Amino acid sequence: MGHRRQPRRGLYGAFAEAFTSPHHGQQFPAEHLTSSYWGIVAYDAVIAAATALHNAAAHGSSPSGIPNHYAVRNELYVLRNNAVAGASGHFGIDKNGNRTNTDSVTTVHGLGKSLSTMTRPGN
């Protein structure tokens, strides 16, 4: 759950618990947190969507304060210049919906090994 000297190690514990808890009858296996990039991809997708939703609500003019899906989509596509602090590093979304800054993805380590080493066939 993170190194003892890491002041934010509790955040990972909360994420790991939420990631492996059942949601609407579906659940990620706990092994995905240490044997693949699924946890990182899931976190980055959710934080990008949540950021766009938050921005749409803040910029919206809906009387209910709840933005529609078009407003959220529009905000998602303007998340540029490292607007999202993801688990894999800061990134943005370009006009085509693709992640920006793919060359600066944070290296992920698990159990003392690089995750990419752990997920190679035969390991």
N, C-alpha and C. Protein backbone atom coordinates (compact mmCIF):
# COMPACT_ATOMS: atom_id res chain seq x y z
N MET A 1 0.80 -1.19 0.00
CA MET A 1 0.00 0.00 0.00
C MET A 1 0.84 1.26 0.00
N GLY A 2 1.98 1.19 -0.49
CA GLY A 2 2.81 2.38 -0.53
C GLY A 2 3.84 2.36 0.58
N HIS A 3 4.85 3.10 0.39
CA HIS A 3 5.93 3.19 1.36
C HIS A 3 5.47 3.94 2.60
N ARG A 4 5.92 3.54 3.78
CA ARG A 4 5.48 4.16 5.03
C ARG A 4 5.79 5.66 5.11
N ARG A 5 6.84 6.11 4.44
CA ARG A 5 7.19 7.53 4.47
C ARG A 5 6.39 8.36 3.48
N GLN A 6 5.63 7.73 2.63
CA GLN A 6 4.81 8.44 1.65
C GLN A 6 3.60 9.04 2.36
N PRO A 7 3.51 10.38 2.44
CA PRO A 7 2.43 11.00 3.21
C PRO A 7 1.04 10.74 2.66
N ARG A 8 0.92 10.39 1.40
CA ARG A 8 -0.41 10.17 0.82
C ARG A 8 -0.70 8.70 0.57
N ARG A 9 -0.04 7.80 1.28
CA ARG A 9 -0.23 6.37 1.03
C ARG A 9 -1.66 5.93 1.29
N GLY A 10 -2.39 6.64 2.17
CA GLY A 10 -3.78 6.30 2.45
C GLY A 10 -4.68 6.50 1.24
N LEU A 11 -4.31 7.41 0.34
CA LEU A 11 -5.10 7.63 -0.86
C LEU A 11 -5.10 6.39 -1.74
N TYR A 12 -3.96 5.72 -1.84
CA TYR A 12 -3.91 4.50 -2.64
C TYR A 12 -4.78 3.42 -2.00
N GLY A 13 -4.73 3.32 -0.69
CA GLY A 13 -5.56 2.33 0.00
C GLY A 13 -7.04 2.55 -0.28
N ALA A 14 -7.46 3.81 -0.25
CA ALA A 14 -8.87 4.13 -0.54
C ALA A 14 -9.20 3.80 -1.99
N PHE A 15 -8.27 4.11 -2.92
CA PHE A 15 -8.49 3.79 -4.32
C PHE A 15 -8.56 2.28 -4.52
N ALA A 16 -7.63 1.54 -3.91
CA ALA A 16 -7.61 0.08 -4.07
C ALA A 16 -8.91 -0.54 -3.55
N GLU A 17 -9.40 -0.03 -2.44
CA GLU A 17 -10.66 -0.55 -1.89
C GLU A 17 -11.82 -0.26 -2.84
N ALA A 18 -11.88 0.97 -3.35
CA ALA A 18 -12.97 1.33 -4.27
C ALA A 18 -12.85 0.55 -5.58
N PHE A 19 -11.63 0.35 -6.06
CA PHE A 19 -11.40 -0.35 -7.33
C PHE A 19 -11.87 -1.80 -7.25
N THR A 20 -11.65 -2.44 -6.11
CA THR A 20 -11.98 -3.87 -5.99
C THR A 20 -13.36 -4.12 -5.38
N SER A 21 -14.07 -3.07 -5.01
CA SER A 21 -15.42 -3.23 -4.45
C SER A 21 -16.43 -3.43 -5.59
N PRO A 22 -17.48 -4.19 -5.32
CA PRO A 22 -18.50 -4.38 -6.36
C PRO A 22 -19.28 -3.08 -6.63
N HIS A 23 -19.52 -2.82 -7.91
CA HIS A 23 -20.31 -1.67 -8.34
C HIS A 23 -21.31 -2.17 -9.37
N HIS A 24 -22.57 -2.03 -9.07
CA HIS A 24 -23.64 -2.44 -9.99
C HIS A 24 -23.46 -3.90 -10.44
N GLY A 25 -23.05 -4.73 -9.53
CA GLY A 25 -22.89 -6.14 -9.83
C GLY A 25 -21.62 -6.52 -10.56
N GLN A 26 -20.73 -5.56 -10.78
CA GLN A 26 -19.47 -5.83 -11.46
C GLN A 26 -18.31 -5.52 -10.52
N GLN A 27 -17.18 -6.20 -10.74
CA GLN A 27 -16.05 -6.01 -9.85
C GLN A 27 -14.75 -6.34 -10.57
N PHE A 28 -13.75 -5.48 -10.40
CA PHE A 28 -12.41 -5.79 -10.91
C PHE A 28 -11.73 -6.74 -9.94
N PRO A 29 -11.04 -7.75 -10.44
CA PRO A 29 -10.25 -8.60 -9.54
C PRO A 29 -9.11 -7.80 -8.91
N ALA A 30 -8.79 -8.07 -7.66
CA ALA A 30 -7.72 -7.37 -6.96
C ALA A 30 -6.38 -7.54 -7.66
N GLU A 31 -6.18 -8.65 -8.37
CA GLU A 31 -4.92 -8.89 -9.07
C GLU A 31 -4.64 -7.84 -10.13
N HIS A 32 -5.69 -7.18 -10.65
CA HIS A 32 -5.48 -6.17 -11.68
C HIS A 32 -4.70 -4.97 -11.16
N LEU A 33 -4.69 -4.77 -9.86
CA LEU A 33 -3.94 -3.66 -9.29
C LEU A 33 -2.44 -3.87 -9.37
N THR A 34 -2.00 -5.12 -9.37
CA THR A 34 -0.57 -5.39 -9.37
C THR A 34 -0.07 -6.14 -10.60
N SER A 35 -0.97 -6.67 -11.43
CA SER A 35 -0.51 -7.47 -12.56
C SER A 35 -0.82 -6.86 -13.91
N SER A 36 -1.42 -5.68 -13.93
CA SER A 36 -1.74 -5.03 -15.20
C SER A 36 -1.90 -3.53 -14.99
N TYR A 37 -2.16 -2.85 -16.08
CA TYR A 37 -2.39 -1.41 -16.03
C TYR A 37 -3.87 -1.05 -15.85
N TRP A 38 -4.74 -2.02 -15.62
CA TRP A 38 -6.18 -1.74 -15.54
C TRP A 38 -6.52 -0.73 -14.46
N GLY A 39 -5.90 -0.82 -13.32
CA GLY A 39 -6.18 0.13 -12.26
C GLY A 39 -5.82 1.54 -12.64
N ILE A 40 -4.70 1.70 -13.30
CA ILE A 40 -4.22 3.01 -13.72
C ILE A 40 -5.12 3.57 -14.82
N VAL A 41 -5.45 2.74 -15.79
CA VAL A 41 -6.31 3.17 -16.88
C VAL A 41 -7.69 3.56 -16.35
N ALA A 42 -8.22 2.75 -15.45
CA ALA A 42 -9.54 3.05 -14.87
C ALA A 42 -9.50 4.36 -14.10
N TYR A 43 -8.48 4.57 -13.29
CA TYR A 43 -8.38 5.80 -12.52
C TYR A 43 -8.28 7.01 -13.46
N ASP A 44 -7.40 6.93 -14.46
CA ASP A 44 -7.22 8.05 -15.37
C ASP A 44 -8.50 8.37 -16.13
N ALA A 45 -9.24 7.35 -16.55
CA ALA A 45 -10.50 7.58 -17.26
C ALA A 45 -11.52 8.25 -16.37
N VAL A 46 -11.64 7.77 -15.14
CA VAL A 46 -12.62 8.34 -14.21
C VAL A 46 -12.24 9.76 -13.82
N ILE A 47 -10.97 10.03 -13.56
CA ILE A 47 -10.57 11.38 -13.15
C ILE A 47 -10.73 12.36 -14.32
N ALA A 48 -10.51 11.92 -15.55
CA ALA A 48 -10.73 12.80 -16.71
C ALA A 48 -12.22 13.10 -16.86
N ALA A 49 -13.06 12.08 -16.74
CA ALA A 49 -14.50 12.30 -16.84
C ALA A 49 -15.02 13.17 -15.70
N ALA A 50 -14.54 12.93 -14.50
CA ALA A 50 -14.97 13.73 -13.35
C ALA A 50 -14.54 15.18 -13.48
N THR A 51 -13.35 15.42 -14.01
CA THR A 51 -12.87 16.78 -14.22
C THR A 51 -13.75 17.49 -15.25
N ALA A 52 -14.06 16.80 -16.34
CA ALA A 52 -14.93 17.39 -17.37
C ALA A 52 -16.33 17.67 -16.81
N LEU A 53 -16.85 16.76 -16.01
CA LEU A 53 -18.17 16.95 -15.40
C LEU A 53 -18.16 18.15 -14.45
N HIS A 54 -17.14 18.24 -13.64
CA HIS A 54 -17.01 19.36 -12.71
C HIS A 54 -16.93 20.70 -13.47
N ASN A 55 -16.12 20.73 -14.51
CA ASN A 55 -15.98 21.95 -15.30
C ASN A 55 -17.28 22.31 -16.01
N ALA A 56 -17.98 21.31 -16.53
CA ALA A 56 -19.26 21.57 -17.21
C ALA A 56 -20.28 22.14 -16.24
N ALA A 57 -20.30 21.61 -15.03
CA ALA A 57 -21.24 22.13 -14.03
C ALA A 57 -20.87 23.56 -13.64
N ALA A 58 -19.58 23.84 -13.53
CA ALA A 58 -19.14 25.18 -13.15
C ALA A 58 -19.40 26.20 -14.25
N HIS A 59 -19.31 25.79 -15.51
CA HIS A 59 -19.49 26.71 -16.62
C HIS A 59 -20.91 26.69 -17.19
N GLY A 60 -21.73 25.80 -16.69
CA GLY A 60 -23.06 25.61 -17.27
C GLY A 60 -24.07 26.68 -16.91
N SER A 61 -25.13 26.68 -17.69
CA SER A 61 -26.21 27.63 -17.44
C SER A 61 -27.53 26.91 -17.20
N SER A 62 -27.46 25.62 -16.93
CA SER A 62 -28.67 24.85 -16.67
C SER A 62 -29.29 25.29 -15.35
N PRO A 63 -30.60 25.51 -15.33
CA PRO A 63 -31.26 25.92 -14.09
C PRO A 63 -31.09 24.89 -12.96
N SER A 64 -30.98 23.63 -13.34
CA SER A 64 -30.83 22.59 -12.31
C SER A 64 -29.39 22.47 -11.83
N GLY A 65 -28.45 23.04 -12.58
CA GLY A 65 -27.04 22.94 -12.23
C GLY A 65 -26.41 21.64 -12.71
N ILE A 66 -27.22 20.79 -13.33
CA ILE A 66 -26.72 19.51 -13.83
C ILE A 66 -26.47 19.64 -15.33
N PRO A 67 -25.22 19.51 -15.76
CA PRO A 67 -24.92 19.67 -17.19
C PRO A 67 -25.40 18.47 -18.00
N ASN A 68 -25.71 18.70 -19.26
CA ASN A 68 -26.08 17.58 -20.12
C ASN A 68 -24.81 16.94 -20.69
N HIS A 69 -24.99 15.82 -21.38
CA HIS A 69 -23.82 15.08 -21.86
C HIS A 69 -23.03 15.85 -22.92
N TYR A 70 -23.67 16.74 -23.64
CA TYR A 70 -22.94 17.54 -24.64
C TYR A 70 -21.98 18.51 -23.95
N ALA A 71 -22.44 19.11 -22.87
CA ALA A 71 -21.59 20.04 -22.13
C ALA A 71 -20.39 19.31 -21.53
N VAL A 72 -20.61 18.10 -21.02
CA VAL A 72 -19.50 17.32 -20.45
C VAL A 72 -18.52 16.93 -21.55
N ARG A 73 -19.03 16.49 -22.69
CA ARG A 73 -18.16 16.14 -23.82
C ARG A 73 -17.32 17.34 -24.25
N ASN A 74 -17.95 18.49 -24.36
CA ASN A 74 -17.22 19.68 -24.78
C ASN A 74 -16.10 20.03 -23.79
N GLU A 75 -16.38 19.89 -22.51
CA GLU A 75 -15.35 20.16 -21.50
C GLU A 75 -14.23 19.12 -21.55
N LEU A 76 -14.57 17.89 -21.87
CA LEU A 76 -13.57 16.83 -21.96
C LEU A 76 -12.55 17.16 -23.05
N TYR A 77 -13.03 17.68 -24.17
CA TYR A 77 -12.14 17.98 -25.29
C TYR A 77 -11.32 19.25 -25.12
N VAL A 78 -11.59 20.01 -24.06
CA VAL A 78 -10.75 21.19 -23.81
C VAL A 78 -9.80 20.96 -22.63
N LEU A 79 -9.71 19.75 -22.17
CA LEU A 79 -8.75 19.41 -21.10
C LEU A 79 -7.38 19.25 -21.74
N ARG A 80 -6.69 20.34 -21.91
CA ARG A 80 -5.38 20.31 -22.57
C ARG A 80 -4.30 20.74 -21.59
N ASN A 81 -3.08 20.70 -22.05
CA ASN A 81 -1.94 21.22 -21.29
C ASN A 81 -1.85 20.64 -19.88
N ASN A 82 -1.84 19.33 -19.80
CA ASN A 82 -1.68 18.64 -18.51
C ASN A 82 -2.79 18.98 -17.52
N ALA A 83 -4.02 19.12 -17.99
CA ALA A 83 -5.14 19.52 -17.14
C ALA A 83 -5.56 18.44 -16.16
N VAL A 84 -5.22 17.19 -16.44
CA VAL A 84 -5.66 16.09 -15.60
C VAL A 84 -4.44 15.48 -14.89
N ALA A 85 -4.52 15.38 -13.57
CA ALA A 85 -3.45 14.75 -12.79
C ALA A 85 -3.81 13.29 -12.60
N GLY A 86 -3.44 12.47 -13.56
CA GLY A 86 -3.79 11.06 -13.53
C GLY A 86 -2.80 10.21 -12.77
N ALA A 87 -3.14 8.95 -12.59
CA ALA A 87 -2.25 8.02 -11.91
C ALA A 87 -0.99 7.77 -12.74
N SER A 88 -1.09 7.94 -14.05
CA SER A 88 0.06 7.71 -14.92
C SER A 88 0.81 8.99 -15.25
N GLY A 89 0.45 10.07 -14.60
CA GLY A 89 1.08 11.36 -14.86
C GLY A 89 0.07 12.37 -15.36
N HIS A 90 0.50 13.61 -15.52
CA HIS A 90 -0.39 14.65 -16.02
C HIS A 90 -0.62 14.45 -17.52
N PHE A 91 -1.87 14.67 -17.94
CA PHE A 91 -2.20 14.54 -19.36
C PHE A 91 -3.38 15.43 -19.69
N GLY A 92 -3.65 15.54 -20.97
CA GLY A 92 -4.80 16.27 -21.46
C GLY A 92 -5.49 15.42 -22.51
N ILE A 93 -6.53 15.98 -23.09
CA ILE A 93 -7.28 15.30 -24.15
C ILE A 93 -7.24 16.21 -25.37
N ASP A 94 -6.86 15.66 -26.54
CA ASP A 94 -6.80 16.50 -27.73
C ASP A 94 -8.17 16.59 -28.41
N LYS A 95 -8.24 17.32 -29.51
CA LYS A 95 -9.51 17.56 -30.19
C LYS A 95 -10.14 16.29 -30.75
N ASN A 96 -9.37 15.21 -30.87
CA ASN A 96 -9.89 13.93 -31.36
C ASN A 96 -10.25 12.97 -30.22
N GLY A 97 -10.06 13.43 -28.99
CA GLY A 97 -10.37 12.58 -27.84
C GLY A 97 -9.22 11.70 -27.39
N ASN A 98 -8.04 11.91 -27.93
CA ASN A 98 -6.87 11.11 -27.56
C ASN A 98 -6.10 11.77 -26.43
N ARG A 99 -5.44 10.96 -25.66
CA ARG A 99 -4.61 11.45 -24.56
C ARG A 99 -3.41 12.19 -25.13
N THR A 100 -3.07 13.31 -24.50
CA THR A 100 -1.86 14.05 -24.87
C THR A 100 -0.75 13.68 -23.89
N ASN A 101 0.46 14.03 -24.23
CA ASN A 101 1.64 13.78 -23.40
C ASN A 101 1.86 12.29 -23.13
N THR A 102 1.74 11.48 -24.17
CA THR A 102 1.94 10.05 -23.99
C THR A 102 3.41 9.70 -23.79
N ASP A 103 4.31 10.61 -24.12
CA ASP A 103 5.73 10.33 -23.94
C ASP A 103 6.20 10.57 -22.51
N SER A 104 5.34 11.14 -21.68
CA SER A 104 5.75 11.43 -20.30
C SER A 104 4.95 10.61 -19.28
N VAL A 105 4.51 9.42 -19.67
CA VAL A 105 3.76 8.57 -18.76
C VAL A 105 4.67 8.12 -17.63
N THR A 106 4.20 8.25 -16.42
CA THR A 106 4.97 7.88 -15.24
C THR A 106 5.22 6.38 -15.23
N THR A 107 6.44 5.98 -14.92
CA THR A 107 6.76 4.56 -14.77
C THR A 107 6.09 4.04 -13.52
N VAL A 108 5.44 2.91 -13.65
CA VAL A 108 4.73 2.31 -12.52
C VAL A 108 5.50 1.10 -12.04
N HIS A 109 5.68 1.01 -10.75
CA HIS A 109 6.39 -0.12 -10.16
C HIS A 109 5.48 -0.86 -9.21
N GLY A 110 5.63 -2.14 -9.17
CA GLY A 110 4.87 -2.94 -8.23
C GLY A 110 5.76 -4.04 -7.68
N LEU A 111 5.78 -4.20 -6.41
CA LEU A 111 6.56 -5.25 -5.76
C LEU A 111 8.02 -5.21 -6.18
N GLY A 112 8.56 -4.02 -6.38
CA GLY A 112 9.97 -3.87 -6.72
C GLY A 112 10.31 -4.08 -8.18
N LYS A 113 9.30 -4.40 -9.01
CA LYS A 113 9.54 -4.61 -10.43
C LYS A 113 8.74 -3.61 -11.24
N SER A 114 9.25 -3.27 -12.41
CA SER A 114 8.48 -2.45 -13.32
C SER A 114 7.26 -3.23 -13.75
N LEU A 115 6.11 -2.57 -13.81
CA LEU A 115 4.88 -3.26 -14.18
C LEU A 115 4.97 -3.85 -15.57
N SER A 116 5.64 -3.16 -16.50
CA SER A 116 5.77 -3.70 -17.85
C SER A 116 6.56 -5.02 -17.83
N THR A 117 7.48 -5.16 -16.92
CA THR A 117 8.24 -6.42 -16.79
C THR A 117 7.33 -7.51 -16.24
N MET A 118 6.47 -7.15 -15.31
CA MET A 118 5.60 -8.13 -14.66
C MET A 118 4.54 -8.66 -15.61
N THR A 119 4.16 -7.92 -16.63
CA THR A 119 3.06 -8.33 -17.49
C THR A 119 3.49 -8.99 -18.79
N ARG A 120 4.78 -9.22 -18.95
CA ARG A 120 5.24 -9.90 -20.16
C ARG A 120 4.79 -11.36 -20.12
N PRO A 121 4.44 -11.93 -21.29
CA PRO A 121 4.05 -13.34 -21.33
C PRO A 121 5.14 -14.23 -20.75
N GLY A 122 4.73 -15.18 -19.98
CA GLY A 122 5.68 -16.12 -19.39
C GLY A 122 6.16 -15.71 -18.01
N ASN A 123 5.82 -14.51 -17.55
CA ASN A 123 6.23 -14.06 -16.20
C ASN A 123 5.13 -14.30 -15.22
